[in-house]
Amino acid sequence: MKTSEKKSLQKEIVAALKTVEDPEIPVDIYELGLIYEVKLDDNGGVEIDMTLTSPHCPVAESLPVEVEEKVNAVEGVDSVKVNIVWEPIWDRDMMSEEAKLELGFL
């Protein structure tokens, strides 16, 4: 996969991630800062490191599945692996300015 194709696919993956919302907070998981890393290999394999707002999050089982399904639906993606990580621990400072504004933190 060419570098330009990889960059384009990366943008499409981020767009797909922005369609996934945390059901408790009306902001998508990308803007919330729950996505720590998106790795894309040359064969269309995607590995995502993400966290949750809390280890006791009620959507701990369903949210990673939704992320996997949405990213897997992107044309050019061959496989998706979602890793739930707890380091660093998520806090409000990880949110984008857009998310902070939408939630009234600015």
C-alpha atoms as a PDB file:
ATOM      1  CA  MET A   1       0.000   0.000   0.000  1.00  0.00           C
ATOM      2  CA  LYS A   2       1.383   3.402  -1.003  1.00  0.00           C
ATOM      3  CA  THR A   3       1.900   6.091   1.611  1.00  0.00           C
ATOM      4  CA  SER A   4      -0.848   8.261   0.064  1.00  0.00           C
ATOM      5  CA  GLU A   5      -3.284   5.330   0.128  1.00  0.00           C
ATOM      6  CA  LYS A   6      -2.391   4.625   3.736  1.00  0.00           C
ATOM      7  CA  LYS A   7      -2.997   8.267   4.717  1.00  0.00           C
ATOM      8  CA  SER A   8      -6.343   8.260   2.939  1.00  0.00           C
ATOM      9  CA  LEU A   9      -7.381   5.019   4.604  1.00  0.00           C
ATOM     10  CA  GLN A  10      -6.250   6.373   7.977  1.00  0.00           C
ATOM     11  CA  LYS A  11      -8.563   9.389   7.486  1.00  0.00           C
ATOM     12  CA  GLU A  12     -11.474   7.100   6.630  1.00  0.00           C
ATOM     13  CA  ILE A  13     -10.803   5.008   9.733  1.00  0.00           C
ATOM     14  CA  VAL A  14     -10.822   8.126  11.911  1.00  0.00           C
ATOM     15  CA  ALA A  15     -14.089   9.198  10.261  1.00  0.00           C
ATOM     16  CA  ALA A  16     -15.570   5.788  11.127  1.00  0.00           C
ATOM     17  CA  LEU A  17     -14.361   6.119  14.722  1.00  0.00           C
ATOM     18  CA  LYS A  18     -16.081   9.497  14.941  1.00  0.00           C
ATOM     19  CA  THR A  19     -19.426   7.758  14.328  1.00  0.00           C
ATOM     20  CA  VAL A  20     -19.097   5.810  17.583  1.00  0.00           C
ATOM     21  CA  GLU A  21     -20.449   7.658  20.602  1.00  0.00           C
ATOM     22  CA  ASP A  22     -20.074   6.888  24.249  1.00  0.00           C
ATOM     23  CA  PRO A  23     -23.722   6.365  25.267  1.00  0.00           C
ATOM     24  CA  GLU A  24     -23.208   8.179  28.568  1.00  0.00           C
ATOM     25  CA  ILE A  25     -21.512  11.223  27.042  1.00  0.00           C
ATOM     26  CA  PRO A  26     -22.946  12.775  23.854  1.00  0.00           C
ATOM     27  CA  VAL A  27     -19.557  13.002  22.111  1.00  0.00           C
ATOM     28  CA  ASP A  28     -17.811  10.541  19.818  1.00  0.00           C
ATOM     29  CA  ILE A  29     -15.062   8.367  21.259  1.00  0.00           C
ATOM     30  CA  TYR A  30     -12.359   9.902  19.055  1.00  0.00           C
ATOM     31  CA  GLU A  31     -13.017  13.456  20.275  1.00  0.00           C
ATOM     32  CA  LEU A  32     -13.330  12.142  23.843  1.00  0.00           C
ATOM     33  CA  GLY A  33      -9.753  10.952  23.574  1.00  0.00           C
ATOM     34  CA  LEU A  34     -10.593   7.289  24.085  1.00  0.00           C
ATOM     35  CA  ILE A  35      -8.641   6.268  20.984  1.00  0.00           C
ATOM     36  CA  TYR A  36      -4.955   6.209  21.884  1.00  0.00           C
ATOM     37  CA  GLU A  37      -3.484   4.773  18.703  1.00  0.00           C
ATOM     38  CA  VAL A  38      -4.550   3.497  15.282  1.00  0.00           C
ATOM     39  CA  LYS A  39      -1.929   1.333  13.572  1.00  0.00           C
ATOM     40  CA  LEU A  40      -2.378   0.399   9.934  1.00  0.00           C
ATOM     41  CA  ASP A  41      -0.230  -2.156   8.156  1.00  0.00           C
ATOM     42  CA  ASP A  42       0.433  -2.401   4.420  1.00  0.00           C
ATOM     43  CA  ASN A  43      -2.185  -5.140   3.970  1.00  0.00           C
ATOM     44  CA  GLY A  44      -5.152  -3.247   5.425  1.00  0.00           C
ATOM     45  CA  GLY A  45      -4.806  -4.669   8.923  1.00  0.00           C
ATOM     46  CA  VAL A  46      -5.776  -2.230  11.651  1.00  0.00           C
ATOM     47  CA  GLU A  47      -4.882  -2.380  15.324  1.00  0.00           C
ATOM     48  CA  ILE A  48      -6.519   0.096  17.670  1.00  0.00           C
ATOM     49  CA  ASP A  49      -5.494   0.874  21.228  1.00  0.00           C
ATOM     50  CA  MET A  50      -8.373   2.444  23.089  1.00  0.00           C
ATOM     51  CA  THR A  51      -9.509   2.968  26.629  1.00  0.00           C
ATOM     52  CA  LEU A  52     -12.791   3.582  28.394  1.00  0.00           C
ATOM     53  CA  THR A  53     -13.777   6.437  30.663  1.00  0.00           C
ATOM     54  CA  SER A  54     -13.773   3.994  33.585  1.00  0.00           C
ATOM     55  CA  PRO A  55     -12.901   0.342  34.206  1.00  0.00           C
ATOM     56  CA  HIS A  56     -16.509  -0.055  35.342  1.00  0.00           C
ATOM     57  CA  CYS A  57     -17.953   1.441  32.161  1.00  0.00           C
ATOM     58  CA  PRO A  58     -21.319  -0.200  31.423  1.00  0.00           C
ATOM     59  CA  VAL A  59     -20.459  -0.508  27.710  1.00  0.00           C
ATOM     60  CA  ALA A  60     -17.069  -2.146  28.302  1.00  0.00           C
ATOM     61  CA  GLU A  61     -18.129  -5.191  26.330  1.00  0.00           C
ATOM     62  CA  SER A  62     -20.188  -3.590  23.560  1.00  0.00           C
ATOM     63  CA  LEU A  63     -18.145  -0.469  22.730  1.00  0.00           C
ATOM     64  CA  PRO A  64     -15.012  -2.284  21.481  1.00  0.00           C
ATOM     65  CA  VAL A  65     -17.233  -4.536  19.347  1.00  0.00           C
ATOM     66  CA  GLU A  66     -18.899  -1.470  17.816  1.00  0.00           C
ATOM     67  CA  VAL A  67     -15.478   0.059  17.107  1.00  0.00           C
ATOM     68  CA  GLU A  68     -14.354  -3.145  15.419  1.00  0.00           C
ATOM     69  CA  GLU A  69     -17.523  -3.358  13.299  1.00  0.00           C
ATOM     70  CA  LYS A  70     -17.411   0.294  12.185  1.00  0.00           C
ATOM     71  CA  VAL A  71     -13.725   0.184  11.238  1.00  0.00           C
ATOM     72  CA  ASN A  72     -14.065  -3.204   9.564  1.00  0.00           C
ATOM     73  CA  ALA A  73     -16.776  -1.708   7.325  1.00  0.00           C
ATOM     74  CA  VAL A  74     -14.311   0.838   5.878  1.00  0.00           C
ATOM     75  CA  GLU A  75     -13.353  -0.108   2.328  1.00  0.00           C
ATOM     76  CA  GLY A  76      -9.726  -1.204   2.230  1.00  0.00           C
ATOM     77  CA  VAL A  77      -9.657  -2.511   5.798  1.00  0.00           C
ATOM     78  CA  ASP A  78      -8.868  -6.215   5.851  1.00  0.00           C
ATOM     79  CA  SER A  79      -8.926  -6.935   9.589  1.00  0.00           C
ATOM     80  CA  VAL A  80      -9.358  -5.102  12.870  1.00  0.00           C
ATOM     81  CA  LYS A  81      -8.024  -5.805  16.332  1.00  0.00           C
ATOM     82  CA  VAL A  82      -9.158  -3.616  19.225  1.00  0.00           C
ATOM     83  CA  ASN A  83      -7.048  -3.560  22.377  1.00  0.00           C
ATOM     84  CA  ILE A  84      -8.467  -2.098  25.577  1.00  0.00           C
ATOM     85  CA  VAL A  85      -5.642  -0.424  27.479  1.00  0.00           C
ATOM     86  CA  TRP A  86      -5.639   1.329  30.838  1.00  0.00           C
ATOM     87  CA  GLU A  87      -2.353   3.237  30.607  1.00  0.00           C
ATOM     88  CA  PRO A  88      -2.426   6.139  30.595  1.00  0.00           C
ATOM     89  CA  ILE A  89      -5.621   6.442  32.583  1.00  0.00           C
ATOM     90  CA  TRP A  90      -8.173   8.541  30.702  1.00  0.00           C
ATOM     91  CA  ASP A  91      -9.120  11.945  32.045  1.00  0.00           C
ATOM     92  CA  ARG A  92     -10.904  15.033  30.713  1.00  0.00           C
ATOM     93  CA  ASP A  93      -7.643  16.594  29.551  1.00  0.00           C
ATOM     94  CA  MET A  94      -7.501  13.977  26.779  1.00  0.00           C
ATOM     95  CA  MET A  95     -10.628  15.372  25.134  1.00  0.00           C
ATOM     96  CA  SER A  96     -10.331  17.566  22.069  1.00  0.00           C
ATOM     97  CA  GLU A  97     -11.164  21.249  22.345  1.00  0.00           C
ATOM     98  CA  GLU A  98     -14.324  20.495  20.358  1.00  0.00           C
ATOM     99  CA  ALA A  99     -15.453  17.893  22.912  1.00  0.00           C
ATOM    100  CA  LYS A 100     -14.647  20.161  25.848  1.00  0.00           C
ATOM    101  CA  LEU A 101     -16.639  22.965  24.265  1.00  0.00           C
ATOM    102  CA  GLU A 102     -19.601  20.691  23.512  1.00  0.00           C
ATOM    103  CA  LEU A 103     -19.640  19.417  27.094  1.00  0.00           C
ATOM    104  CA  GLY A 104     -19.291  22.886  28.615  1.00  0.00           C
ATOM    105  CA  PHE A 105     -15.760  22.477  29.966  1.00  0.00           C
ATOM    106  CA  LEU A 106     -14.522  25.591  28.143  1.00  0.00           C
END
